[in-house]
Amino acid sequence: MLASALKEAKNVLLDQTTIYADAQTFQKVLDWMDAPATADETEGMSRLMNARTPWPRG
């Protein structure tokens, strides 16, 4: 019974974190991930990396 409950709990979590897409949309996402970062993406990443954090960087 415990194994069944754990399996169902994992399925609930997977349902909340899995994105379903058709093959064409998925390929567009892969192409976007493989492409070099745009100027806006680079600027945004720099802004995030230079933001102050509430914890010490190490």
N, C-alpha and C. Protein backbone atom coordinates (compact mmCIF):
# COMPACT_ATOMS: atom_id res chain seq x y z
N MET A 1 0.81 -1.18 0.00
CA MET A 1 0.00 0.00 0.00
C MET A 1 0.86 1.26 0.00
N LEU A 2 1.97 1.25 0.73
CA LEU A 2 2.87 2.40 0.76
C LEU A 2 3.46 2.64 -0.62
N ALA A 3 3.87 1.59 -1.31
CA ALA A 3 4.44 1.74 -2.65
C ALA A 3 3.44 2.37 -3.60
N SER A 4 2.20 1.98 -3.49
CA SER A 4 1.15 2.55 -4.34
C SER A 4 0.95 4.03 -4.05
N ALA A 5 0.99 4.40 -2.77
CA ALA A 5 0.84 5.81 -2.39
C ALA A 5 2.02 6.63 -2.89
N LEU A 6 3.22 6.10 -2.77
CA LEU A 6 4.40 6.81 -3.27
C LEU A 6 4.35 6.99 -4.78
N LYS A 7 3.93 5.95 -5.48
CA LYS A 7 3.83 6.03 -6.94
C LYS A 7 2.83 7.11 -7.34
N GLU A 8 1.70 7.16 -6.67
CA GLU A 8 0.67 8.16 -6.98
C GLU A 8 1.18 9.57 -6.66
N ALA A 9 1.90 9.71 -5.55
CA ALA A 9 2.46 11.02 -5.19
C ALA A 9 3.45 11.49 -6.25
N LYS A 10 4.29 10.58 -6.75
CA LYS A 10 5.24 10.93 -7.81
C LYS A 10 4.49 11.34 -9.08
N ASN A 11 3.43 10.65 -9.41
CA ASN A 11 2.66 10.99 -10.61
C ASN A 11 2.04 12.37 -10.48
N VAL A 12 1.55 12.71 -9.29
CA VAL A 12 0.98 14.04 -9.07
C VAL A 12 2.04 15.10 -9.28
N LEU A 13 3.23 14.89 -8.72
CA LEU A 13 4.32 15.85 -8.91
C LEU A 13 4.74 15.96 -10.36
N LEU A 14 4.83 14.84 -11.05
CA LEU A 14 5.21 14.88 -12.46
C LEU A 14 4.17 15.62 -13.30
N ASP A 15 2.91 15.43 -12.97
CA ASP A 15 1.85 16.13 -13.70
C ASP A 15 1.97 17.63 -13.54
N GLN A 16 2.52 18.08 -12.43
CA GLN A 16 2.64 19.51 -12.16
C GLN A 16 3.90 20.11 -12.77
N THR A 17 4.86 19.28 -13.15
CA THR A 17 6.13 19.81 -13.63
C THR A 17 6.44 19.42 -15.07
N THR A 18 5.62 18.60 -15.67
CA THR A 18 5.86 18.16 -17.04
C THR A 18 5.12 19.05 -18.02
N ILE A 19 5.81 19.45 -19.05
CA ILE A 19 5.19 20.27 -20.10
C ILE A 19 4.99 19.38 -21.31
N TYR A 20 3.78 19.35 -21.80
CA TYR A 20 3.46 18.55 -22.97
C TYR A 20 3.44 19.45 -24.20
N ALA A 21 4.08 19.01 -25.26
CA ALA A 21 4.12 19.78 -26.50
C ALA A 21 4.14 18.82 -27.68
N ASP A 22 3.61 19.29 -28.79
CA ASP A 22 3.68 18.47 -29.99
C ASP A 22 5.12 18.51 -30.53
N ALA A 23 5.42 17.66 -31.49
CA ALA A 23 6.79 17.53 -31.99
C ALA A 23 7.33 18.84 -32.57
N GLN A 24 6.49 19.58 -33.28
CA GLN A 24 6.93 20.83 -33.90
C GLN A 24 7.28 21.87 -32.83
N THR A 25 6.44 22.00 -31.83
CA THR A 25 6.71 22.96 -30.75
C THR A 25 7.94 22.55 -29.97
N PHE A 26 8.08 21.27 -29.70
CA PHE A 26 9.25 20.78 -28.97
C PHE A 26 10.52 21.06 -29.75
N GLN A 27 10.49 20.89 -31.07
CA GLN A 27 11.66 21.17 -31.89
C GLN A 27 12.01 22.65 -31.85
N LYS A 28 11.01 23.52 -31.83
CA LYS A 28 11.26 24.96 -31.72
C LYS A 28 11.97 25.29 -30.41
N VAL A 29 11.54 24.64 -29.32
CA VAL A 29 12.19 24.86 -28.03
C VAL A 29 13.64 24.39 -28.08
N LEU A 30 13.88 23.22 -28.65
CA LEU A 30 15.26 22.72 -28.77
C LEU A 30 16.11 23.65 -29.61
N ASP A 31 15.57 24.14 -30.72
CA ASP A 31 16.31 25.08 -31.57
C ASP A 31 16.64 26.35 -30.80
N TRP A 32 15.68 26.85 -30.01
CA TRP A 32 15.91 28.06 -29.22
C TRP A 32 17.02 27.81 -28.19
N MET A 33 17.01 26.64 -27.56
CA MET A 33 18.03 26.33 -26.56
C MET A 33 19.42 26.18 -27.19
N ASP A 34 19.47 25.68 -28.42
CA ASP A 34 20.75 25.49 -29.10
C ASP A 34 21.31 26.77 -29.70
N ALA A 35 20.46 27.77 -29.91
CA ALA A 35 20.89 29.01 -30.55
C ALA A 35 21.69 29.87 -29.55
N PRO A 36 22.59 30.70 -30.07
CA PRO A 36 23.31 31.62 -29.18
C PRO A 36 22.32 32.57 -28.51
N ALA A 37 22.68 33.05 -27.34
CA ALA A 37 21.83 33.98 -26.60
C ALA A 37 21.70 35.29 -27.36
N THR A 38 20.51 35.86 -27.32
CA THR A 38 20.29 37.17 -27.93
C THR A 38 20.88 38.25 -27.01
N ALA A 39 20.96 39.47 -27.53
CA ALA A 39 21.48 40.57 -26.72
C ALA A 39 20.61 40.79 -25.48
N ASP A 40 19.29 40.68 -25.64
CA ASP A 40 18.38 40.85 -24.49
C ASP A 40 18.59 39.75 -23.45
N GLU A 41 18.78 38.52 -23.90
CA GLU A 41 19.00 37.41 -22.98
C GLU A 41 20.32 37.59 -22.23
N THR A 42 21.35 38.02 -22.95
CA THR A 42 22.66 38.25 -22.33
C THR A 42 22.58 39.37 -21.30
N GLU A 43 21.88 40.45 -21.66
CA GLU A 43 21.71 41.56 -20.73
C GLU A 43 20.94 41.12 -19.47
N GLY A 44 19.89 40.35 -19.67
CA GLY A 44 19.11 39.86 -18.54
C GLY A 44 19.93 38.96 -17.64
N MET A 45 20.75 38.09 -18.22
CA MET A 45 21.58 37.20 -17.41
C MET A 45 22.63 38.00 -16.63
N SER A 46 23.20 39.02 -17.27
CA SER A 46 24.16 39.87 -16.57
C SER A 46 23.50 40.57 -15.40
N ARG A 47 22.29 41.08 -15.61
CA ARG A 47 21.56 41.75 -14.55
C ARG A 47 21.29 40.79 -13.39
N LEU A 48 20.90 39.56 -13.70
CA LEU A 48 20.67 38.57 -12.64
C LEU A 48 21.95 38.23 -11.89
N MET A 49 23.04 38.05 -12.62
CA MET A 49 24.30 37.67 -11.99
C MET A 49 24.87 38.78 -11.12
N ASN A 50 24.55 40.03 -11.44
CA ASN A 50 25.07 41.17 -10.69
C ASN A 50 24.11 41.66 -9.60
N ALA A 51 22.95 41.05 -9.49
CA ALA A 51 21.98 41.45 -8.49
C ALA A 51 22.48 41.10 -7.09
N ARG A 52 22.13 41.92 -6.12
CA ARG A 52 22.51 41.63 -4.74
C ARG A 52 21.70 40.44 -4.24
N THR A 53 22.33 39.61 -3.47
CA THR A 53 21.66 38.45 -2.90
C THR A 53 21.61 38.58 -1.38
N PRO A 54 20.61 37.97 -0.75
CA PRO A 54 20.53 38.03 0.71
C PRO A 54 21.52 37.07 1.39
N TRP A 55 22.25 36.30 0.61
CA TRP A 55 23.22 35.37 1.16
C TRP A 55 24.60 35.71 0.60
N PRO A 56 25.65 35.34 1.29
CA PRO A 56 26.98 35.63 0.78
C PRO A 56 27.32 34.76 -0.42
N ARG A 57 27.92 35.39 -1.40
CA ARG A 57 28.36 34.61 -2.57
C ARG A 57 29.72 34.00 -2.26
N GLY A 58 29.91 32.79 -2.74
CA GLY A 58 31.17 32.16 -2.40
C GLY A 58 31.68 31.38 -3.47
